[in-house]
């Protein structure tokens, strides 16, 4: 279920009948007959209302209170109970505890209050970023531990959005070294994919796990409002680079000093 739509709305908000309502009524899908000039009163929040995120957070906060959590005085998104710590980020929550059973009890308690929660397997895929831990052996026989951030899911969505299939040819670099200029006399973009949407997905990718895309994505984003075929081909090159480097990501070598 969509998160914001679970939250009740405290004030009176009315909306016009959505498109398709009349056709649905004519087909007998509705018991009541609405005429022109009628409006609907919202019982719950919907996306698009400014207060919807606030309403959802208050609903989540109140349900966390019911199962024994306390809100931190220093960070309103941090909740602590006797056995579990919960960190919230918009409509995503991270639960930490010594015993996994305590986390299950907290989640079940929230569900009993009426909230619809989707439980993920682990923190590894939080916000689409997979945290991969691995180790390698150095020349002198010491074990070196690494942490790698991967986002294969967003990469796959970008590749699909660009219309690239498994037979597409990958490239070794995301972009030429030269900047991407305006193309005033170029052929208009044929809109075979949503240019701005793909640029947005690439920005999220390079800000988290793929800083190697920063220059190419910056060049593409400059032309989001009026792209030409030249700009689209440039963006497709980024997709071909991701196709060739799908399993690559940002890695670090944490050391204890």
Protein backbone atom coordinates (compact mmCIF):
# COMPACT_ATOMS: atom_id res chain seq x y z
CA UNK A 1 0.00 0.00 0.00
CA UNK A 2 1.22 3.52 -0.70
CA UNK A 3 2.58 5.04 2.50
CA UNK A 4 0.91 8.45 2.54
CA UNK A 5 -2.51 7.00 1.73
CA UNK A 6 -2.55 5.18 5.07
CA UNK A 7 -2.57 8.40 7.09
CA UNK A 8 -5.87 10.03 8.09
CA UNK A 9 -6.40 13.66 7.18
CA UNK A 10 -7.35 16.06 9.95
CA UNK A 11 -8.82 18.93 7.92
CA UNK A 12 -11.55 19.09 5.30
CA UNK A 13 -10.09 18.65 1.80
CA UNK A 14 -12.25 18.27 -1.31
CA UNK A 15 -11.17 17.17 -4.78
CA UNK A 16 -12.79 17.11 -8.18
CA UNK A 17 -13.95 13.79 -9.57
CA UNK A 18 -11.00 12.03 -11.21
CA UNK A 19 -10.98 11.36 -14.94
CA UNK A 20 -12.78 8.17 -15.82
CA UNK A 21 -15.25 8.43 -12.95
CA UNK A 22 -18.20 9.09 -15.26
CA UNK A 23 -17.33 6.14 -17.49
CA UNK A 24 -16.98 3.87 -14.46
CA UNK A 25 -20.37 4.96 -13.18
CA UNK A 26 -21.99 4.38 -16.58
CA UNK A 27 -20.58 0.85 -16.64
CA UNK A 28 -22.31 0.12 -13.35
CA UNK A 29 -19.17 0.01 -11.27
CA UNK A 30 -20.53 2.50 -8.73
CA UNK A 31 -23.68 2.43 -6.65
CA UNK A 32 -24.05 6.20 -6.34
CA UNK A 33 -24.67 8.56 -9.22
CA UNK A 34 -22.61 11.76 -9.33
CA UNK A 35 -23.43 14.75 -11.45
CA UNK A 36 -21.41 17.70 -12.64
CA UNK A 37 -20.41 19.96 -9.79
CA UNK A 38 -20.05 17.18 -7.24
CA UNK A 39 -16.76 16.81 -5.38
CA UNK A 40 -15.23 14.16 -3.13
CA UNK A 41 -14.18 14.65 0.48
CA UNK A 42 -10.93 12.93 1.42
CA UNK A 43 -10.89 10.56 4.37
CA UNK A 44 -7.17 9.88 4.02
CA UNK A 45 -4.12 11.67 2.67
CA UNK A 46 -3.13 11.36 -0.97
CA UNK A 47 0.09 12.10 -2.78
CA UNK A 48 0.29 15.67 -3.98
CA UNK A 49 -0.95 17.29 -0.78
CA UNK A 50 1.66 19.29 1.06
CA UNK A 51 0.58 17.90 4.41
CA UNK A 52 0.58 14.23 3.34
CA UNK A 53 4.22 13.43 4.34
CA UNK A 54 3.65 15.11 7.72
CA UNK A 55 0.42 13.17 8.27
CA UNK A 56 2.16 9.89 7.51
CA UNK A 57 5.08 10.64 9.82
CA UNK A 58 2.69 11.47 12.65
CA UNK A 59 0.81 8.21 12.05
CA UNK A 60 4.07 6.23 12.08
CA UNK A 61 5.30 8.09 15.18
CA UNK A 62 2.07 7.45 17.10
CA UNK A 63 2.15 3.73 16.26
CA UNK A 64 5.79 3.51 17.36
CA UNK A 65 4.76 5.10 20.65
CA UNK A 66 2.07 2.43 21.09
CA UNK A 67 4.65 -0.38 20.97
CA UNK A 68 7.01 1.23 23.46
CA UNK A 69 9.29 3.49 21.43
CA UNK A 70 10.44 6.94 22.58
CA UNK A 71 11.38 9.75 20.22
CA UNK A 72 14.91 11.11 20.51
CA UNK A 73 15.24 14.72 21.67
CA UNK A 74 18.19 15.20 19.33
CA UNK A 75 16.84 13.61 16.14
CA UNK A 76 13.07 13.37 15.55
CA UNK A 77 13.61 10.49 13.10
CA UNK A 78 15.27 8.31 15.76
CA UNK A 79 13.07 6.14 18.00
CA UNK A 80 14.33 3.95 20.85
CA UNK A 81 12.66 1.26 22.91
CA UNK A 82 14.08 -0.99 25.62
CA UNK A 83 15.27 -3.55 23.06
CA UNK A 84 15.00 -2.00 19.57
CA UNK A 85 16.26 1.09 17.78
CA UNK A 86 14.28 2.44 14.81
CA UNK A 87 15.55 5.00 12.29
CA UNK A 88 13.02 6.46 9.85
CA UNK A 89 13.68 7.99 6.43
CA UNK A 90 10.49 9.24 4.78
CA UNK A 91 8.52 5.95 4.51
CA UNK A 92 11.47 3.60 5.12
CA UNK A 93 12.46 2.30 8.54
CA UNK A 94 15.58 0.58 9.83
CA UNK A 95 15.28 -1.60 12.93
CA UNK A 96 18.30 -2.66 15.01
CA UNK A 97 18.34 -5.06 17.96
CA UNK A 98 20.51 -7.72 19.54
CA UNK A 99 17.80 -10.32 18.99
CA UNK A 100 15.89 -10.47 15.71
CA UNK A 101 12.81 -11.67 17.59
CA UNK A 102 12.55 -8.27 19.27
CA UNK A 103 12.40 -6.63 15.85
CA UNK A 104 9.67 -9.05 14.73
CA UNK A 105 7.65 -8.28 17.87
CA UNK A 106 7.92 -4.53 17.23
CA UNK A 107 6.86 -4.87 13.59
CA UNK A 108 3.95 -7.14 14.46
CA UNK A 109 2.83 -4.64 17.07
CA UNK A 110 2.81 -1.85 14.50
CA UNK A 111 0.89 -4.02 12.05
CA UNK A 112 -1.76 -4.72 14.66
CA UNK A 113 -2.40 -0.99 14.86
CA UNK A 114 -3.54 -1.10 11.23
CA UNK A 115 -0.44 -0.02 9.34
CA UNK A 116 0.54 -2.00 6.26
CA UNK A 117 4.30 -2.63 6.37
CA UNK A 118 6.43 -4.44 3.81
CA UNK A 119 9.30 -6.23 5.51
CA UNK A 120 12.60 -6.47 3.63
CA UNK A 121 15.20 -9.16 4.19
CA UNK A 122 18.00 -7.00 5.59
CA UNK A 123 19.49 -3.53 5.72
CA UNK A 124 21.68 -4.40 2.74
CA UNK A 125 19.17 -3.12 0.20
CA UNK A 126 18.07 0.02 2.06
CA UNK A 127 17.10 2.75 -0.43
CA UNK A 128 18.24 0.56 -3.32
CA UNK A 129 21.86 0.44 -2.16
CA UNK A 130 23.26 -3.04 -1.51
CA UNK A 131 26.05 -3.17 1.06
CA UNK A 132 28.49 -5.89 0.07
CA UNK A 133 31.20 -6.94 2.52
CA UNK A 134 34.12 -9.01 1.29
CA UNK A 135 37.80 -9.61 2.02
CA UNK A 136 40.98 -10.24 0.06
CA UNK A 137 44.34 -11.66 1.06
CA UNK A 138 47.36 -9.40 0.60
CA UNK A 139 50.80 -10.50 -0.61
CA UNK A 140 52.01 -10.90 2.98
CA UNK A 141 49.06 -13.12 3.88
CA UNK A 142 46.97 -10.55 5.76
CA UNK A 143 43.22 -10.38 5.33
CA UNK A 144 42.02 -7.03 4.00
CA UNK A 145 38.33 -6.24 4.47
CA UNK A 146 36.33 -4.08 2.06
CA UNK A 147 32.85 -2.59 1.92
CA UNK A 148 31.30 -2.07 -1.51
CA UNK A 149 28.11 -0.17 -2.33
CA UNK A 150 26.21 -1.64 -5.27
CA UNK A 151 23.02 -0.49 -7.01
CA UNK A 152 22.34 -3.16 -9.60
CA UNK A 153 18.57 -2.62 -9.30
CA UNK A 154 18.62 1.08 -10.32
CA UNK A 155 21.17 0.25 -13.03
CA UNK A 156 18.83 -2.35 -14.51
CA UNK A 157 15.95 0.15 -14.49
CA UNK A 158 18.07 2.69 -16.34
CA UNK A 159 19.07 0.13 -18.96
CA UNK A 160 15.44 -0.91 -19.49
CA UNK A 161 14.26 2.72 -19.62
CA UNK A 162 16.79 3.47 -22.36
CA UNK A 163 15.59 0.50 -24.40
CA UNK A 164 18.92 -1.30 -24.24
CA UNK A 165 18.67 -5.08 -24.37
CA UNK A 166 21.15 -7.80 -23.46
CA UNK A 167 22.60 -7.67 -26.98
CA UNK A 168 23.55 -4.00 -26.68
CA UNK A 169 27.26 -3.23 -26.86
CA UNK A 170 28.91 -1.94 -23.70
CA UNK A 171 31.55 0.82 -23.64
CA UNK A 172 34.55 1.37 -21.40
CA UNK A 173 33.94 5.03 -20.55
CA UNK A 174 30.69 6.84 -19.68
CA UNK A 175 31.37 9.88 -21.87
CA UNK A 176 33.91 11.61 -24.10
CA UNK A 177 36.24 14.08 -22.40
CA UNK A 178 34.73 17.02 -24.28
CA UNK A 179 31.69 18.81 -22.80
CA UNK A 180 28.24 18.28 -24.29
CA UNK A 181 27.26 21.60 -25.93
CA UNK A 182 23.89 22.95 -27.00
CA UNK A 183 22.68 21.55 -30.30
CA UNK A 184 20.50 24.31 -31.73
CA UNK A 185 20.45 22.91 -35.27
CA UNK A 186 20.27 19.26 -34.28
CA UNK A 187 17.41 16.86 -34.89
CA UNK A 188 14.71 17.02 -32.19
CA UNK A 189 14.66 14.20 -29.67
CA UNK A 190 12.19 11.51 -30.77
CA UNK A 191 11.14 10.86 -27.14
CA UNK A 192 11.78 7.15 -27.39
CA UNK A 193 12.44 7.30 -23.64
CA UNK A 194 11.88 9.80 -20.85
CA UNK A 195 15.09 11.83 -20.97
CA UNK A 196 14.57 13.76 -17.72
CA UNK A 197 13.54 10.63 -15.82
CA UNK A 198 16.66 8.72 -16.88
CA UNK A 199 18.86 11.68 -15.96
CA UNK A 200 17.22 11.74 -12.52
CA UNK A 201 17.87 8.02 -12.00
CA UNK A 202 21.50 8.48 -13.08
CA UNK A 203 21.92 11.36 -10.63
CA UNK A 204 20.67 9.20 -7.76
CA UNK A 205 23.07 6.48 -8.88
CA UNK A 206 26.18 8.65 -9.12
CA UNK A 207 25.45 10.38 -5.79
CA UNK A 208 25.45 7.05 -3.94
CA UNK A 209 27.60 4.39 -5.54
CA UNK A 210 28.85 5.53 -8.96
CA UNK A 211 30.83 8.80 -8.75
CA UNK A 212 32.45 7.84 -12.06
CA UNK A 213 29.23 8.97 -13.76
CA UNK A 214 29.34 12.49 -12.32
CA UNK A 215 30.77 14.32 -15.35
CA UNK A 216 28.61 12.54 -17.92
CA UNK A 217 25.39 12.95 -15.90
CA UNK A 218 26.18 16.62 -15.29
CA UNK A 219 26.53 17.20 -19.01
CA UNK A 220 23.25 15.42 -19.78
CA UNK A 221 21.32 17.23 -17.05
CA UNK A 222 22.15 20.62 -18.60
CA UNK A 223 19.89 19.74 -21.54
CA UNK A 224 16.98 18.06 -19.73
CA UNK A 225 14.44 20.68 -20.83
CA UNK A 226 15.32 20.65 -24.52
CA UNK A 227 17.31 17.57 -25.53
CA UNK A 228 18.14 16.70 -29.12
CA UNK A 229 19.06 13.36 -30.65
CA UNK A 230 22.71 14.18 -29.97
CA UNK A 231 22.00 14.54 -26.26
CA UNK A 232 19.93 11.36 -26.25
CA UNK A 233 22.77 9.38 -27.84
CA UNK A 234 25.13 10.81 -25.22
CA UNK A 235 22.80 9.61 -22.46
CA UNK A 236 22.50 6.21 -24.11
CA UNK A 237 26.28 5.96 -23.99
CA UNK A 238 26.01 6.29 -20.21
CA UNK A 239 23.57 3.36 -20.29
CA UNK A 240 25.97 1.27 -22.36
CA UNK A 241 28.72 2.02 -19.87
CA UNK A 242 26.46 0.85 -17.04
CA UNK A 243 25.67 -2.27 -19.03
CA UNK A 244 29.40 -3.08 -19.14
CA UNK A 245 30.02 -2.18 -15.48
CA UNK A 246 26.79 -3.35 -13.85
CA UNK A 247 28.56 -5.14 -10.98
CA UNK A 248 30.83 -2.20 -10.13
CA UNK A 249 30.31 0.21 -7.25
CA UNK A 250 31.92 2.45 -4.68
CA UNK A 251 34.16 0.61 -2.25
CA UNK A 252 36.08 1.53 0.87
CA UNK A 253 38.71 -0.06 3.06
CA UNK A 254 37.82 0.74 6.67
CA UNK A 255 40.70 0.63 9.10
CA UNK A 256 40.65 0.64 12.87
CA UNK A 257 43.15 3.20 14.17
